[in-house]
Amino acid sequence: MKNKNGKFIIYLSLILIEILVITFLMEFYLDDFTQLDFLMFSMLFVLVIVSVATSLVSGLFLGAFIVIVYGSYILYSKMAGIYVSDAVYVWIVLLPVTAFLGGHLGEEIRFSHQSMEKCMDKDELITIDKQSGLGNIKDFYGDLAEEIARARRHKFPLTLMIVEISYFDELRTIYASDDISKIIKTMSNIIKDSLRREDKQFRIEDDRFSVVMPHTGVEGAEVVKKRIKEMLKTIVLTKSDSIEQLKFEIKIGLKEYDEDVKNQFHYKELVVKELEYDV
């Protein structure tokens, strides 16, 4: 990628230098330039635009066409005894060079655009939270929608739980990012150890975990809630030079699925509201 960026800068720089040099010559040697030279200067810009916007081959074809037409006119002018300036040799050289540089510049621009699109596609495909190793919000919504569909179709209980770490923003101002990652990983392991194999765990926000519990009613979920809340009160943070015991205030909201739930987004919002009542 760095090599590609370097080529882009080189091609762009060469085109700009070329245009600046011609502009400089036309400014200080204006008497030696004819109206035809000014026309060729305009054609140079057209060639740059076409080469960059289409392809190297298209640019070279257009450049060759302009050179042939221009060369034919110059040949006719000399045979007819019409004055031809020495700039003719400049244009015959610069036109194919410009087509070559413009075509490669366009290819570098298109390559960069494709690379950006690929990176964006990869980001959209990522469903794992880096700190916790759990599924992220995208994975959460997808799995929750599937479990809602199963519960609705087969009439089995389903409970959604959200675990919130209070004062998480303040925590990030005190501890380094590596320490925060350790805390999050420890919490995710504690929650995982409190669940059954069929339960699904996610990290849906920086300060919130979520657990989808199929075949579980609210009574069974309450037992898990008490266990998680008790185990998350104190976290041991191991550093290179010390060991700390951190106290946390944890809020847990849960709600069993019913027919009033419209979709996975509505279901999540209903459980988030339940967090307000957990004191």
C-alpha atoms as a PDB file:
ATOM      1  CA  MET A   1       0.000   0.000   0.000  1.00  0.00           C
ATOM      2  CA  LYS A   2       2.855   2.410   0.797  1.00  0.00           C
ATOM      3  CA  ASN A   3       4.409   1.595  -2.580  1.00  0.00           C
ATOM      4  CA  LYS A   4       1.119   2.425  -4.309  1.00  0.00           C
ATOM      5  CA  ASN A   5       0.808   5.714  -2.450  1.00  0.00           C
ATOM      6  CA  GLY A   6       4.355   6.590  -3.483  1.00  0.00           C
ATOM      7  CA  LYS A   7       3.564   5.969  -7.146  1.00  0.00           C
ATOM      8  CA  PHE A   8       0.445   8.114  -6.904  1.00  0.00           C
ATOM      9  CA  ILE A   9       2.477  11.033  -5.541  1.00  0.00           C
ATOM     10  CA  ILE A  10       5.154  10.587  -8.222  1.00  0.00           C
ATOM     11  CA  TYR A  11       2.693  10.576 -11.148  1.00  0.00           C
ATOM     12  CA  LEU A  12       0.751  13.525  -9.769  1.00  0.00           C
ATOM     13  CA  SER A  13       3.939  15.488  -9.125  1.00  0.00           C
ATOM     14  CA  LEU A  14       5.248  14.867 -12.643  1.00  0.00           C
ATOM     15  CA  ILE A  15       2.010  16.053 -14.236  1.00  0.00           C
ATOM     16  CA  LEU A  16       1.958  19.189 -12.093  1.00  0.00           C
ATOM     17  CA  ILE A  17       5.637  19.916 -12.857  1.00  0.00           C
ATOM     18  CA  GLU A  18       4.988  19.433 -16.553  1.00  0.00           C
ATOM     19  CA  ILE A  19       2.061  21.877 -16.546  1.00  0.00           C
ATOM     20  CA  LEU A  20       3.994  24.417 -14.464  1.00  0.00           C
ATOM     21  CA  VAL A  21       6.995  24.267 -16.810  1.00  0.00           C
ATOM     22  CA  ILE A  22       4.813  24.805 -19.891  1.00  0.00           C
ATOM     23  CA  THR A  23       2.966  27.648 -18.155  1.00  0.00           C
ATOM     24  CA  PHE A  24       6.308  29.232 -17.252  1.00  0.00           C
ATOM     25  CA  LEU A  25       7.567  28.980 -20.843  1.00  0.00           C
ATOM     26  CA  MET A  26       4.368  30.440 -22.237  1.00  0.00           C
ATOM     27  CA  GLU A  27       4.530  33.306 -19.749  1.00  0.00           C
ATOM     28  CA  PHE A  28       8.125  34.335 -20.453  1.00  0.00           C
ATOM     29  CA  TYR A  29       8.404  33.335 -24.100  1.00  0.00           C
ATOM     30  CA  LEU A  30       4.969  34.451 -25.211  1.00  0.00           C
ATOM     31  CA  ASP A  31       6.145  35.790 -28.559  1.00  0.00           C
ATOM     32  CA  ASP A  32       7.428  32.374 -29.628  1.00  0.00           C
ATOM     33  CA  PHE A  33       4.066  30.702 -29.022  1.00  0.00           C
ATOM     34  CA  THR A  34       1.349  30.774 -31.658  1.00  0.00           C
ATOM     35  CA  GLN A  35      -2.400  30.349 -31.329  1.00  0.00           C
ATOM     36  CA  LEU A  36      -1.886  26.706 -32.249  1.00  0.00           C
ATOM     37  CA  ASP A  37       0.410  26.301 -29.253  1.00  0.00           C
ATOM     38  CA  PHE A  38      -2.259  27.723 -26.981  1.00  0.00           C
ATOM     39  CA  LEU A  39      -4.712  25.238 -28.500  1.00  0.00           C
ATOM     40  CA  MET A  40      -2.282  22.381 -27.817  1.00  0.00           C
ATOM     41  CA  PHE A  41      -1.905  23.615 -24.243  1.00  0.00           C
ATOM     42  CA  SER A  42      -5.678  23.272 -23.866  1.00  0.00           C
ATOM     43  CA  MET A  43      -5.580  19.842 -25.459  1.00  0.00           C
ATOM     44  CA  LEU A  44      -2.976  18.852 -22.868  1.00  0.00           C
ATOM     45  CA  PHE A  45      -5.518  19.478 -20.083  1.00  0.00           C
ATOM     46  CA  VAL A  46      -8.178  17.543 -21.997  1.00  0.00           C
ATOM     47  CA  LEU A  47      -5.742  14.641 -22.359  1.00  0.00           C
ATOM     48  CA  VAL A  48      -4.988  14.662 -18.606  1.00  0.00           C
ATOM     49  CA  ILE A  49      -8.694  14.596 -17.735  1.00  0.00           C
ATOM     50  CA  VAL A  50      -9.514  11.793 -20.200  1.00  0.00           C
ATOM     51  CA  SER A  51      -6.506   9.696 -19.159  1.00  0.00           C
ATOM     52  CA  VAL A  52      -7.255  10.001 -15.455  1.00  0.00           C
ATOM     53  CA  ALA A  53     -11.012   9.460 -15.826  1.00  0.00           C
ATOM     54  CA  THR A  54     -10.879   6.470 -18.197  1.00  0.00           C
ATOM     55  CA  SER A  55      -7.747   4.341 -18.533  1.00  0.00           C
ATOM     56  CA  LEU A  56      -4.141   4.304 -19.664  1.00  0.00           C
ATOM     57  CA  VAL A  57      -5.073   2.719 -23.004  1.00  0.00           C
ATOM     58  CA  SER A  58      -7.769   5.311 -23.714  1.00  0.00           C
ATOM     59  CA  GLY A  59      -5.360   8.105 -22.837  1.00  0.00           C
ATOM     60  CA  LEU A  60      -2.644   6.721 -25.102  1.00  0.00           C
ATOM     61  CA  PHE A  61      -5.087   6.301 -27.993  1.00  0.00           C
ATOM     62  CA  LEU A  62      -6.308   9.878 -27.597  1.00  0.00           C
ATOM     63  CA  GLY A  63      -2.731  11.139 -27.270  1.00  0.00           C
ATOM     64  CA  ALA A  64      -1.710   9.264 -30.409  1.00  0.00           C
ATOM     65  CA  PHE A  65      -4.710  10.656 -32.282  1.00  0.00           C
ATOM     66  CA  ILE A  66      -3.854  14.233 -31.274  1.00  0.00           C
ATOM     67  CA  VAL A  67      -0.195  13.723 -32.227  1.00  0.00           C
ATOM     68  CA  ILE A  68      -1.173  12.340 -35.657  1.00  0.00           C
ATOM     69  CA  VAL A  69      -3.563  15.212 -36.368  1.00  0.00           C
ATOM     70  CA  TYR A  70      -1.114  17.786 -35.035  1.00  0.00           C
ATOM     71  CA  GLY A  71       1.825  16.229 -36.874  1.00  0.00           C
ATOM     72  CA  SER A  72      -0.137  16.117 -40.118  1.00  0.00           C
ATOM     73  CA  TYR A  73      -0.977  19.803 -39.795  1.00  0.00           C
ATOM     74  CA  ILE A  74       2.660  20.707 -39.042  1.00  0.00           C
ATOM     75  CA  LEU A  75       3.831  18.690 -42.054  1.00  0.00           C
ATOM     76  CA  TYR A  76       1.301  20.453 -44.261  1.00  0.00           C
ATOM     77  CA  SER A  77       2.345  23.846 -42.865  1.00  0.00           C
ATOM     78  CA  LYS A  78       6.013  23.245 -43.643  1.00  0.00           C
ATOM     79  CA  MET A  79       5.199  22.083 -47.159  1.00  0.00           C
ATOM     80  CA  ALA A  80       3.057  25.202 -47.653  1.00  0.00           C
ATOM     81  CA  GLY A  81       5.806  27.451 -46.331  1.00  0.00           C
ATOM     82  CA  ILE A  82       3.860  28.499 -43.216  1.00  0.00           C
ATOM     83  CA  TYR A  83       5.974  29.420 -40.174  1.00  0.00           C
ATOM     84  CA  VAL A  84       6.124  26.695 -37.536  1.00  0.00           C
ATOM     85  CA  SER A  85       7.612  27.416 -34.110  1.00  0.00           C
ATOM     86  CA  ASP A  86      10.111  25.151 -32.379  1.00  0.00           C
ATOM     87  CA  ALA A  87       7.410  24.346 -29.781  1.00  0.00           C
ATOM     88  CA  VAL A  88       6.110  21.696 -32.160  1.00  0.00           C
ATOM     89  CA  TYR A  89       8.743  19.256 -30.877  1.00  0.00           C
ATOM     90  CA  VAL A  90       7.721  19.986 -27.294  1.00  0.00           C
ATOM     91  CA  TRP A  91       4.100  19.050 -27.961  1.00  0.00           C
ATOM     92  CA  ILE A  92       4.951  15.895 -29.897  1.00  0.00           C
ATOM     93  CA  VAL A  93       6.945  14.660 -26.867  1.00  0.00           C
ATOM     94  CA  LEU A  94       4.680  15.949 -24.103  1.00  0.00           C
ATOM     95  CA  LEU A  95       1.367  14.622 -25.434  1.00  0.00           C
ATOM     96  CA  PRO A  96       2.191  10.873 -25.163  1.00  0.00           C
ATOM     97  CA  VAL A  97       4.094  11.501 -21.909  1.00  0.00           C
ATOM     98  CA  THR A  98       1.033  13.246 -20.466  1.00  0.00           C
ATOM     99  CA  ALA A  99      -1.243  10.412 -21.594  1.00  0.00           C
ATOM    100  CA  PHE A 100       1.104   7.904 -19.931  1.00  0.00           C
ATOM    101  CA  LEU A 101       1.312   9.820 -16.639  1.00  0.00           C
ATOM    102  CA  GLY A 102      -2.423  10.613 -16.565  1.00  0.00           C
ATOM    103  CA  GLY A 103      -3.358   6.994 -17.263  1.00  0.00           C
ATOM    104  CA  HIS A 104      -1.168   5.694 -14.456  1.00  0.00           C
ATOM    105  CA  LEU A 105      -2.426   8.408 -12.108  1.00  0.00           C
ATOM    106  CA  GLY A 106      -6.013   7.329 -12.831  1.00  0.00           C
ATOM    107  CA  GLU A 107      -5.102   3.691 -12.146  1.00  0.00           C
ATOM    108  CA  GLU A 108      -3.601   4.644  -8.776  1.00  0.00           C
ATOM    109  CA  ILE A 109      -6.724   6.630  -7.868  1.00  0.00           C
ATOM    110  CA  ARG A 110      -8.988   3.712  -8.786  1.00  0.00           C
ATOM    111  CA  PHE A 111      -6.762   1.271  -6.884  1.00  0.00           C
ATOM    112  CA  SER A 112      -6.907   3.468  -3.771  1.00  0.00           C
ATOM    113  CA  HIS A 113     -10.697   3.698  -4.077  1.00  0.00           C
ATOM    114  CA  GLN A 114     -11.031  -0.087  -4.396  1.00  0.00           C
ATOM    115  CA  SER A 115      -8.736  -0.606  -1.404  1.00  0.00           C
ATOM    116  CA  MET A 116     -10.872   1.736   0.701  1.00  0.00           C
ATOM    117  CA  GLU A 117     -14.039  -0.118  -0.330  1.00  0.00           C
ATOM    118  CA  LYS A 118     -12.459  -3.451   0.607  1.00  0.00           C
ATOM    119  CA  CYS A 119     -11.450  -2.090   4.011  1.00  0.00           C
ATOM    120  CA  MET A 120     -14.988  -0.823   4.566  1.00  0.00           C
ATOM    121  CA  ASP A 121     -16.405  -4.215   3.560  1.00  0.00           C
ATOM    122  CA  LYS A 122     -14.077  -5.967   6.011  1.00  0.00           C
ATOM    123  CA  ASP A 123     -15.153  -3.640   8.809  1.00  0.00           C
ATOM    124  CA  GLU A 124     -18.787  -4.431   8.059  1.00  0.00           C
ATOM    125  CA  LEU A 125     -18.073  -8.170   8.214  1.00  0.00           C
ATOM    126  CA  ILE A 126     -16.366  -7.988  11.613  1.00  0.00           C
ATOM    127  CA  THR A 127     -18.717  -9.250  14.326  1.00  0.00           C
ATOM    128  CA  ILE A 128     -16.235  -9.783  17.172  1.00  0.00           C
ATOM    129  CA  ASP A 129     -15.481  -7.246  19.900  1.00  0.00           C
ATOM    130  CA  LYS A 130     -11.681  -7.002  20.210  1.00  0.00           C
ATOM    131  CA  GLN A 131     -11.438  -6.391  23.946  1.00  0.00           C
ATOM    132  CA  SER A 132     -13.812  -9.082  25.146  1.00  0.00           C
ATOM    133  CA  GLY A 133     -13.647 -11.589  22.302  1.00  0.00           C
ATOM    134  CA  LEU A 134     -17.461 -11.693  22.336  1.00  0.00           C
ATOM    135  CA  GLY A 135     -19.906 -10.990  19.547  1.00  0.00           C
ATOM    136  CA  ASN A 136     -20.535  -7.293  18.929  1.00  0.00           C
ATOM    137  CA  ILE A 137     -23.771  -5.359  18.404  1.00  0.00           C
ATOM    138  CA  LYS A 138     -24.158  -6.552  14.811  1.00  0.00           C
ATOM    139  CA  ASP A 139     -23.803 -10.185  15.835  1.00  0.00           C
ATOM    140  CA  PHE A 140     -26.161  -9.540  18.758  1.00  0.00           C
ATOM    141  CA  TYR A 141     -28.995  -8.195  16.619  1.00  0.00           C
ATOM    142  CA  GLY A 142     -28.639 -11.041  14.128  1.00  0.00           C
ATOM    143  CA  ASP A 143     -28.737 -13.792  16.757  1.00  0.00           C
ATOM    144  CA  LEU A 144     -31.507 -12.108  18.744  1.00  0.00           C
ATOM    145  CA  ALA A 145     -33.705 -11.904  15.639  1.00  0.00           C
ATOM    146  CA  GLU A 146     -33.218 -15.639  15.057  1.00  0.00           C
ATOM    147  CA  GLU A 147     -34.049 -16.512  18.671  1.00  0.00           C
ATOM    148  CA  ILE A 148     -37.166 -14.311  18.597  1.00  0.00           C
ATOM    149  CA  ALA A 149     -38.325 -16.106  15.457  1.00  0.00           C
ATOM    150  CA  ARG A 150     -37.776 -19.516  17.098  1.00  0.00           C
ATOM    151  CA  ALA A 151     -39.515 -18.515  20.327  1.00  0.00           C
ATOM    152  CA  ARG A 152     -42.484 -17.139  18.388  1.00  0.00           C
ATOM    153  CA  ARG A 153     -42.723 -20.205  16.178  1.00  0.00           C
ATOM    154  CA  HIS A 154     -42.179 -22.918  18.786  1.00  0.00           C
ATOM    155  CA  LYS A 155     -43.699 -21.060  21.778  1.00  0.00           C
ATOM    156  CA  PHE A 156     -40.727 -21.591  24.108  1.00  0.00           C
ATOM    157  CA  PRO A 157     -39.588 -18.981  26.658  1.00  0.00           C
ATOM    158  CA  LEU A 158     -36.825 -16.533  25.810  1.00  0.00           C
ATOM    159  CA  THR A 159     -35.199 -13.972  28.100  1.00  0.00           C
ATOM    160  CA  LEU A 160     -32.885 -11.110  27.209  1.00  0.00           C
ATOM    161  CA  MET A 161     -30.452  -9.781  29.804  1.00  0.00           C
ATOM    162  CA  ILE A 162     -28.307  -6.630  29.673  1.00  0.00           C
ATOM    163  CA  VAL A 163     -25.452  -6.067  32.127  1.00  0.00           C
ATOM    164  CA  GLU A 164     -24.311  -2.457  32.541  1.00  0.00           C
ATOM    165  CA  ILE A 165     -21.093  -1.252  34.222  1.00  0.00           C
ATOM    166  CA  SER A 166     -21.842   1.998  36.030  1.00  0.00           C
ATOM    167  CA  TYR A 167     -19.377   4.915  35.770  1.00  0.00           C
ATOM    168  CA  PHE A 168     -17.486   3.254  32.944  1.00  0.00           C
ATOM    169  CA  ASP A 169     -16.407   6.596  31.427  1.00  0.00           C
ATOM    170  CA  GLU A 170     -14.804   7.586  34.727  1.00  0.00           C
ATOM    171  CA  LEU A 171     -13.034   4.229  34.802  1.00  0.00           C
ATOM    172  CA  ARG A 172     -11.408   4.976  31.432  1.00  0.00           C
ATOM    173  CA  THR A 173     -10.006   8.254  32.726  1.00  0.00           C
ATOM    174  CA  ILE A 174      -8.231   6.463  35.564  1.00  0.00           C
ATOM    175  CA  TYR A 175      -6.852   3.327  33.930  1.00  0.00           C
ATOM    176  CA  ALA A 176      -4.825   2.740  30.770  1.00  0.00           C
ATOM    177  CA  SER A 177      -6.374   1.024  27.763  1.00  0.00           C
ATOM    178  CA  ASP A 178      -4.508  -2.234  28.505  1.00  0.00           C
ATOM    179  CA  ASP A 179      -5.946  -2.292  32.030  1.00  0.00           C
ATOM    180  CA  ILE A 180      -9.445  -1.603  30.687  1.00  0.00           C
ATOM    181  CA  SER A 181      -9.044  -4.515  28.275  1.00  0.00           C
ATOM    182  CA  LYS A 182      -8.066  -6.789  31.178  1.00  0.00           C
ATOM    183  CA  ILE A 183     -11.107  -5.663  33.178  1.00  0.00           C
ATOM    184  CA  ILE A 184     -13.468  -6.231  30.246  1.00  0.00           C
ATOM    185  CA  LYS A 185     -11.972  -9.655  29.529  1.00  0.00           C
ATOM    186  CA  THR A 186     -12.263 -10.670  33.199  1.00  0.00           C
ATOM    187  CA  MET A 187     -15.901  -9.549  33.321  1.00  0.00           C
ATOM    188  CA  SER A 188     -16.777 -11.376  30.122  1.00  0.00           C
ATOM    189  CA  ASN A 189     -15.226 -14.574  31.509  1.00  0.00           C
ATOM    190  CA  ILE A 190     -17.179 -14.223  34.768  1.00  0.00           C
ATOM    191  CA  ILE A 191     -20.448 -13.785  32.892  1.00  0.00           C
ATOM    192  CA  LYS A 192     -19.617 -16.706  30.603  1.00  0.00           C
ATOM    193  CA  ASP A 193     -18.924 -18.989  33.572  1.00  0.00           C
ATOM    194  CA  SER A 194     -22.341 -18.105  34.991  1.00  0.00           C
ATOM    195  CA  LEU A 195     -24.230 -19.141  31.845  1.00  0.00           C
ATOM    196  CA  ARG A 196     -25.324 -22.361  30.240  1.00  0.00           C
ATOM    197  CA  ARG A 197     -23.783 -23.619  27.017  1.00  0.00           C
ATOM    198  CA  GLU A 198     -26.816 -22.624  24.936  1.00  0.00           C
ATOM    199  CA  ASP A 199     -26.878 -19.051  26.237  1.00  0.00           C
ATOM    200  CA  LYS A 200     -25.325 -16.439  23.933  1.00  0.00           C
ATOM    201  CA  GLN A 201     -23.186 -13.607  25.254  1.00  0.00           C
ATOM    202  CA  PHE A 202     -22.303 -10.310  23.535  1.00  0.00           C
ATOM    203  CA  ARG A 203     -20.687  -6.958  24.210  1.00  0.00           C
ATOM    204  CA  ILE A 204     -23.127  -4.507  22.684  1.00  0.00           C
ATOM    205  CA  GLU A 205     -21.625  -1.235  23.970  1.00  0.00           C
ATOM    206  CA  ASP A 206     -18.467  -0.171  25.798  1.00  0.00           C
ATOM    207  CA  ASP A 207     -20.201  -0.448  29.158  1.00  0.00           C
ATOM    208  CA  ARG A 208     -22.815  -3.094  28.375  1.00  0.00           C
ATOM    209  CA  PHE A 209     -22.877  -6.850  27.937  1.00  0.00           C
ATOM    210  CA  SER A 210     -25.911  -8.758  26.739  1.00  0.00           C
ATOM    211  CA  VAL A 211     -27.028 -12.340  27.198  1.00  0.00           C
ATOM    212  CA  VAL A 212     -29.645 -14.068  25.057  1.00  0.00           C
ATOM    213  CA  MET A 213     -31.139 -16.944  27.037  1.00  0.00           C
ATOM    214  CA  PRO A 214     -33.316 -19.325  24.992  1.00  0.00           C
ATOM    215  CA  HIS A 215     -35.597 -21.789  26.812  1.00  0.00           C
ATOM    216  CA  THR A 216     -35.327 -19.608  29.939  1.00  0.00           C
ATOM    217  CA  GLY A 217     -38.123 -17.815  31.729  1.00  0.00           C
ATOM    218  CA  VAL A 218     -37.770 -14.764  33.936  1.00  0.00           C
ATOM    219  CA  GLU A 219     -37.502 -16.845  37.134  1.00  0.00           C
ATOM    220  CA  GLY A 220     -34.503 -18.797  35.874  1.00  0.00           C
ATOM    221  CA  ALA A 221     -32.933 -15.601  34.555  1.00  0.00           C
ATOM    222  CA  GLU A 222     -33.310 -13.954  37.975  1.00  0.00           C
ATOM    223  CA  VAL A 223     -31.121 -16.669  39.498  1.00  0.00           C
ATOM    224  CA  VAL A 224     -28.421 -16.025  36.892  1.00  0.00           C
ATOM    225  CA  LYS A 225     -28.785 -12.270  37.450  1.00  0.00           C
ATOM    226  CA  LYS A 226     -28.071 -12.520  41.173  1.00  0.00           C
ATOM    227  CA  ARG A 227     -25.074 -14.757  40.551  1.00  0.00           C
ATOM    228  CA  ILE A 228     -23.550 -12.442  37.930  1.00  0.00           C
ATOM    229  CA  LYS A 229     -24.181  -9.320  39.963  1.00  0.00           C
ATOM    230  CA  GLU A 230     -22.491 -10.800  43.015  1.00  0.00           C
ATOM    231  CA  MET A 231     -19.452 -12.055  41.093  1.00  0.00           C
ATOM    232  CA  LEU A 232     -18.926  -8.756  39.227  1.00  0.00           C
ATOM    233  CA  LYS A 233     -18.887  -6.614  42.360  1.00  0.00           C
ATOM    234  CA  THR A 234     -15.170  -7.179  42.836  1.00  0.00           C
ATOM    235  CA  ILE A 235     -12.631  -7.621  40.032  1.00  0.00           C
ATOM    236  CA  VAL A 236      -8.979  -8.431  40.582  1.00  0.00           C
ATOM    237  CA  LEU A 237      -6.743  -6.406  38.246  1.00  0.00           C
ATOM    238  CA  THR A 238      -3.225  -7.811  37.929  1.00  0.00           C
ATOM    239  CA  LYS A 239      -0.558  -5.343  36.834  1.00  0.00           C
ATOM    240  CA  SER A 240       3.144  -5.832  36.270  1.00  0.00           C
ATOM    241  CA  ASP A 241       4.000  -4.292  39.642  1.00  0.00           C
ATOM    242  CA  SER A 242       0.820  -4.676  41.696  1.00  0.00           C
ATOM    243  CA  ILE A 243      -2.549  -6.352  42.195  1.00  0.00           C
ATOM    244  CA  GLU A 244      -5.691  -4.288  42.729  1.00  0.00           C
ATOM    245  CA  GLN A 245      -9.179  -5.198  43.863  1.00  0.00           C
ATOM    246  CA  LEU A 246     -11.705  -3.032  42.017  1.00  0.00           C
ATOM    247  CA  LYS A 247     -15.240  -2.452  43.261  1.00  0.00           C
ATOM    248  CA  PHE A 248     -17.981  -2.039  40.672  1.00  0.00           C
ATOM    249  CA  GLU A 249     -21.613  -1.040  40.662  1.00  0.00           C
ATOM    250  CA  ILE A 250     -23.454  -3.293  38.251  1.00  0.00           C
ATOM    251  CA  LYS A 251     -26.962  -2.875  36.882  1.00  0.00           C
ATOM    252  CA  ILE A 252     -28.760  -5.766  35.239  1.00  0.00           C
ATOM    253  CA  GLY A 253     -32.006  -5.562  33.323  1.00  0.00           C
ATOM    254  CA  LEU A 254     -33.904  -8.516  31.947  1.00  0.00           C
ATOM    255  CA  LYS A 255     -37.207  -9.232  30.275  1.00  0.00           C
ATOM    256  CA  GLU A 256     -38.905 -12.357  29.050  1.00  0.00           C
ATOM    257  CA  TYR A 257     -40.104 -12.282  25.453  1.00  0.00           C
ATOM    258  CA  ASP A 258     -43.812 -11.779  24.850  1.00  0.00           C
ATOM    259  CA  GLU A 259     -46.082 -10.930  21.922  1.00  0.00           C
ATOM    260  CA  ASP A 260     -45.742  -7.193  22.575  1.00  0.00           C
ATOM    261  CA  VAL A 261     -42.111  -7.297  21.430  1.00  0.00           C
ATOM    262  CA  LYS A 262     -42.046  -5.967  17.851  1.00  0.00           C
ATOM    263  CA  ASN A 263     -38.503  -6.901  16.821  1.00  0.00           C
ATOM    264  CA  GLN A 264     -34.940  -7.277  18.121  1.00  0.00           C
ATOM    265  CA  PHE A 265     -34.400  -3.503  18.322  1.00  0.00           C
ATOM    266  CA  HIS A 266     -37.579  -2.969  20.304  1.00  0.00           C
ATOM    267  CA  TYR A 267     -36.698  -5.887  22.573  1.00  0.00           C
ATOM    268  CA  LYS A 268     -33.307  -4.365  23.409  1.00  0.00           C
ATOM    269  CA  GLU A 269     -34.846  -0.983  24.216  1.00  0.00           C
ATOM    270  CA  LEU A 270     -37.348  -2.628  26.554  1.00  0.00           C
ATOM    271  CA  VAL A 271     -34.548  -4.319  28.481  1.00  0.00           C
ATOM    272  CA  VAL A 272     -32.510  -1.076  28.597  1.00  0.00           C
ATOM    273  CA  LYS A 273     -35.503   0.556  30.324  1.00  0.00           C
ATOM    274  CA  GLU A 274     -35.436  -2.219  32.911  1.00  0.00           C
ATOM    275  CA  LEU A 275     -31.925  -1.099  33.906  1.00  0.00           C
ATOM    276  CA  GLU A 276     -33.475   2.013  35.445  1.00  0.00           C
ATOM    277  CA  TYR A 277     -35.333  -0.102  38.001  1.00  0.00           C
ATOM    278  CA  ASP A 278     -32.327  -2.135  39.111  1.00  0.00           C
ATOM    279  CA  VAL A 279     -31.005  -0.352  42.181  1.00  0.00           C
END
